[in-house]
N, C-alpha and C. Protein backbone atom coordinates (compact mmCIF):
# COMPACT_ATOMS: atom_id res chain seq x y z
N MET A 1 0.84 -1.16 0.00
CA MET A 1 0.00 0.00 0.00
C MET A 1 0.90 1.25 0.00
N HIS A 2 0.59 2.17 -0.90
CA HIS A 2 1.37 3.41 -0.99
C HIS A 2 1.17 4.25 0.27
N MET A 3 2.28 4.73 0.82
CA MET A 3 2.24 5.56 2.03
C MET A 3 2.72 6.96 1.69
N LYS A 4 2.08 7.94 2.28
CA LYS A 4 2.49 9.33 2.09
C LYS A 4 3.76 9.59 2.89
N VAL A 5 4.68 10.33 2.29
CA VAL A 5 5.93 10.70 2.94
C VAL A 5 5.69 11.97 3.75
N SER A 6 6.18 11.98 4.98
CA SER A 6 6.07 13.18 5.81
C SER A 6 7.41 13.45 6.50
N ARG A 7 7.62 14.71 6.85
CA ARG A 7 8.91 15.10 7.45
C ARG A 7 9.18 14.40 8.77
N ASP A 8 8.14 14.04 9.50
CA ASP A 8 8.37 13.39 10.80
C ASP A 8 8.89 11.95 10.66
N GLN A 9 8.96 11.45 9.43
CA GLN A 9 9.52 10.12 9.19
C GLN A 9 11.04 10.16 9.02
N PHE A 10 11.62 11.36 9.04
CA PHE A 10 13.05 11.54 8.81
C PHE A 10 13.77 11.87 10.10
N GLU A 11 15.04 11.49 10.14
CA GLU A 11 15.89 11.79 11.29
C GLU A 11 17.20 12.37 10.76
N LEU A 12 17.65 13.46 11.37
CA LEU A 12 18.96 14.02 11.03
C LEU A 12 20.03 13.23 11.76
N ARG A 13 21.04 12.81 11.03
CA ARG A 13 22.19 12.11 11.61
C ARG A 13 23.45 12.78 11.07
N GLY A 14 23.92 13.74 11.82
CA GLY A 14 25.08 14.50 11.35
C GLY A 14 24.70 15.29 10.12
N GLU A 15 25.36 15.03 9.02
CA GLU A 15 25.10 15.74 7.77
C GLU A 15 24.22 14.91 6.83
N GLN A 16 23.62 13.86 7.36
CA GLN A 16 22.74 13.02 6.57
C GLN A 16 21.33 13.06 7.12
N ILE A 17 20.38 12.74 6.24
CA ILE A 17 18.98 12.61 6.61
C ILE A 17 18.57 11.18 6.31
N VAL A 18 17.95 10.51 7.29
CA VAL A 18 17.54 9.12 7.11
C VAL A 18 16.02 9.03 7.16
N HIS A 19 15.46 8.35 6.15
CA HIS A 19 14.02 8.06 6.16
C HIS A 19 13.85 6.77 6.94
N LEU A 20 13.32 6.87 8.13
CA LEU A 20 13.28 5.73 9.06
C LEU A 20 12.52 4.51 8.54
N PRO A 21 11.36 4.67 7.90
CA PRO A 21 10.66 3.46 7.45
C PRO A 21 11.41 2.64 6.40
N THR A 22 12.16 3.31 5.50
CA THR A 22 12.83 2.59 4.41
C THR A 22 14.34 2.44 4.59
N GLY A 23 14.92 3.25 5.46
CA GLY A 23 16.37 3.25 5.62
C GLY A 23 17.09 4.04 4.54
N ALA A 24 16.36 4.76 3.70
CA ALA A 24 16.99 5.58 2.67
C ALA A 24 17.79 6.70 3.35
N VAL A 25 19.02 6.92 2.85
CA VAL A 25 19.91 7.92 3.44
C VAL A 25 20.20 8.98 2.38
N PHE A 26 20.03 10.25 2.74
CA PHE A 26 20.24 11.37 1.84
C PHE A 26 21.36 12.26 2.36
N TRP A 27 22.14 12.81 1.43
CA TRP A 27 23.18 13.77 1.79
C TRP A 27 23.36 14.72 0.61
N LYS A 28 23.98 15.87 0.89
CA LYS A 28 24.21 16.85 -0.17
C LYS A 28 25.51 16.52 -0.88
N GLY A 29 25.42 16.42 -2.18
CA GLY A 29 26.60 16.17 -3.00
C GLY A 29 27.13 17.46 -3.58
N ASP A 30 27.90 17.34 -4.65
CA ASP A 30 28.47 18.50 -5.32
C ASP A 30 27.38 19.44 -5.81
N GLU A 31 27.64 20.73 -5.69
CA GLU A 31 26.77 21.79 -6.18
C GLU A 31 25.36 21.71 -5.59
N GLY A 32 25.23 21.17 -4.36
CA GLY A 32 23.95 21.16 -3.68
C GLY A 32 22.97 20.09 -4.12
N ILE A 33 23.40 19.21 -5.01
CA ILE A 33 22.51 18.14 -5.47
C ILE A 33 22.37 17.10 -4.37
N VAL A 34 21.14 16.70 -4.10
CA VAL A 34 20.89 15.69 -3.07
C VAL A 34 21.21 14.31 -3.62
N ARG A 35 22.02 13.56 -2.90
CA ARG A 35 22.40 12.19 -3.25
C ARG A 35 21.69 11.23 -2.32
N CYS A 36 21.60 9.95 -2.73
CA CYS A 36 20.83 9.01 -1.92
C CYS A 36 21.33 7.58 -2.05
N ASP A 37 21.29 6.86 -0.93
CA ASP A 37 21.34 5.40 -0.90
C ASP A 37 19.91 5.00 -0.60
N TRP A 38 19.22 4.41 -1.55
CA TRP A 38 17.78 4.23 -1.47
C TRP A 38 17.29 3.26 -0.40
N GLY A 39 18.12 2.42 0.14
CA GLY A 39 17.62 1.46 1.12
C GLY A 39 16.50 0.65 0.49
N ALA A 40 15.36 0.53 1.14
CA ALA A 40 14.22 -0.22 0.63
C ALA A 40 13.18 0.69 -0.04
N ALA A 41 13.53 1.95 -0.29
CA ALA A 41 12.59 2.87 -0.92
C ALA A 41 12.22 2.38 -2.31
N GLY A 42 10.95 2.49 -2.64
CA GLY A 42 10.47 2.05 -3.95
C GLY A 42 10.10 0.59 -4.00
N GLU A 43 10.32 -0.13 -2.91
CA GLU A 43 10.00 -1.55 -2.82
C GLU A 43 8.99 -1.76 -1.70
N PRO A 44 8.14 -2.76 -1.83
CA PRO A 44 7.22 -3.04 -0.71
C PRO A 44 8.01 -3.48 0.53
N LEU A 45 7.66 -2.91 1.66
CA LEU A 45 8.27 -3.28 2.94
C LEU A 45 7.54 -4.50 3.50
N PRO A 46 8.12 -5.19 4.48
CA PRO A 46 7.43 -6.34 5.09
C PRO A 46 6.03 -5.98 5.60
N SER A 47 5.83 -4.72 5.98
CA SER A 47 4.52 -4.26 6.46
C SER A 47 3.50 -4.14 5.33
N GLY A 48 3.98 -4.22 4.07
CA GLY A 48 3.11 -4.02 2.92
C GLY A 48 3.09 -2.58 2.43
N HIS A 49 3.72 -1.68 3.18
CA HIS A 49 3.78 -0.27 2.81
C HIS A 49 4.88 -0.07 1.76
N ASP A 50 4.66 0.93 0.91
CA ASP A 50 5.73 1.34 0.01
C ASP A 50 5.73 2.86 -0.09
N TYR A 51 6.91 3.41 -0.35
CA TYR A 51 7.11 4.86 -0.40
C TYR A 51 7.72 5.22 -1.75
N SER A 52 7.20 6.26 -2.37
CA SER A 52 7.67 6.72 -3.67
C SER A 52 9.06 7.35 -3.53
N ARG A 53 9.98 6.94 -4.40
CA ARG A 53 11.32 7.53 -4.39
C ARG A 53 11.25 9.02 -4.71
N ASP A 54 10.38 9.40 -5.64
CA ASP A 54 10.25 10.81 -6.00
C ASP A 54 9.78 11.63 -4.80
N GLU A 55 8.79 11.11 -4.05
CA GLU A 55 8.30 11.83 -2.88
C GLU A 55 9.37 11.91 -1.79
N LEU A 56 10.14 10.84 -1.64
CA LEU A 56 11.23 10.85 -0.65
C LEU A 56 12.28 11.90 -1.02
N MET A 57 12.66 11.95 -2.28
CA MET A 57 13.67 12.91 -2.72
C MET A 57 13.17 14.33 -2.53
N ASP A 58 11.90 14.58 -2.85
CA ASP A 58 11.35 15.92 -2.67
C ASP A 58 11.36 16.32 -1.19
N ALA A 59 10.97 15.40 -0.31
CA ALA A 59 10.95 15.70 1.13
C ALA A 59 12.36 15.93 1.65
N ALA A 60 13.31 15.11 1.22
CA ALA A 60 14.70 15.27 1.67
C ALA A 60 15.25 16.62 1.21
N HIS A 61 14.97 16.98 -0.03
CA HIS A 61 15.44 18.27 -0.54
C HIS A 61 14.86 19.41 0.28
N GLU A 62 13.58 19.32 0.61
CA GLU A 62 12.94 20.35 1.43
C GLU A 62 13.58 20.43 2.82
N ILE A 63 13.86 19.29 3.41
CA ILE A 63 14.50 19.27 4.73
C ILE A 63 15.88 19.91 4.66
N PHE A 64 16.65 19.60 3.61
CA PHE A 64 17.97 20.21 3.46
C PHE A 64 17.84 21.72 3.34
N LEU A 65 16.86 22.20 2.62
CA LEU A 65 16.67 23.65 2.50
C LEU A 65 16.35 24.26 3.85
N ILE A 66 15.54 23.59 4.62
CA ILE A 66 15.13 24.10 5.93
C ILE A 66 16.31 24.09 6.91
N THR A 67 17.06 23.00 6.92
CA THR A 67 18.15 22.86 7.90
C THR A 67 19.46 23.44 7.41
N ARG A 68 19.53 23.75 6.12
CA ARG A 68 20.77 24.28 5.52
C ARG A 68 21.96 23.38 5.82
N ALA A 69 21.73 22.07 5.65
CA ALA A 69 22.80 21.09 5.89
C ALA A 69 23.97 21.36 4.95
N ARG A 70 25.17 21.19 5.46
CA ARG A 70 26.38 21.40 4.67
C ARG A 70 26.69 20.15 3.87
N PRO A 71 27.37 20.31 2.72
CA PRO A 71 27.80 19.13 1.95
C PRO A 71 28.78 18.27 2.78
N ILE A 72 28.75 17.00 2.54
CA ILE A 72 29.70 16.09 3.19
C ILE A 72 31.00 16.15 2.44
N GLY A 73 32.10 16.11 3.15
CA GLY A 73 33.39 16.05 2.47
C GLY A 73 34.34 17.12 2.82
């Protein structure tokens, strides 16, 4: 079942943002582009829930804008 992505599903870990339900990890790459290790995003989870990669990327980008996270490196 498709689940809506919300900001409260994310956790800041240093300079990374983690989507807790899927384990997807986001960080800022070169020139401010958001990079990602998708974890289980885009695949059905054991719970039957699934999360859109596009929605996750949009939410992560918004969180980076809000927190002004610095690039890693």
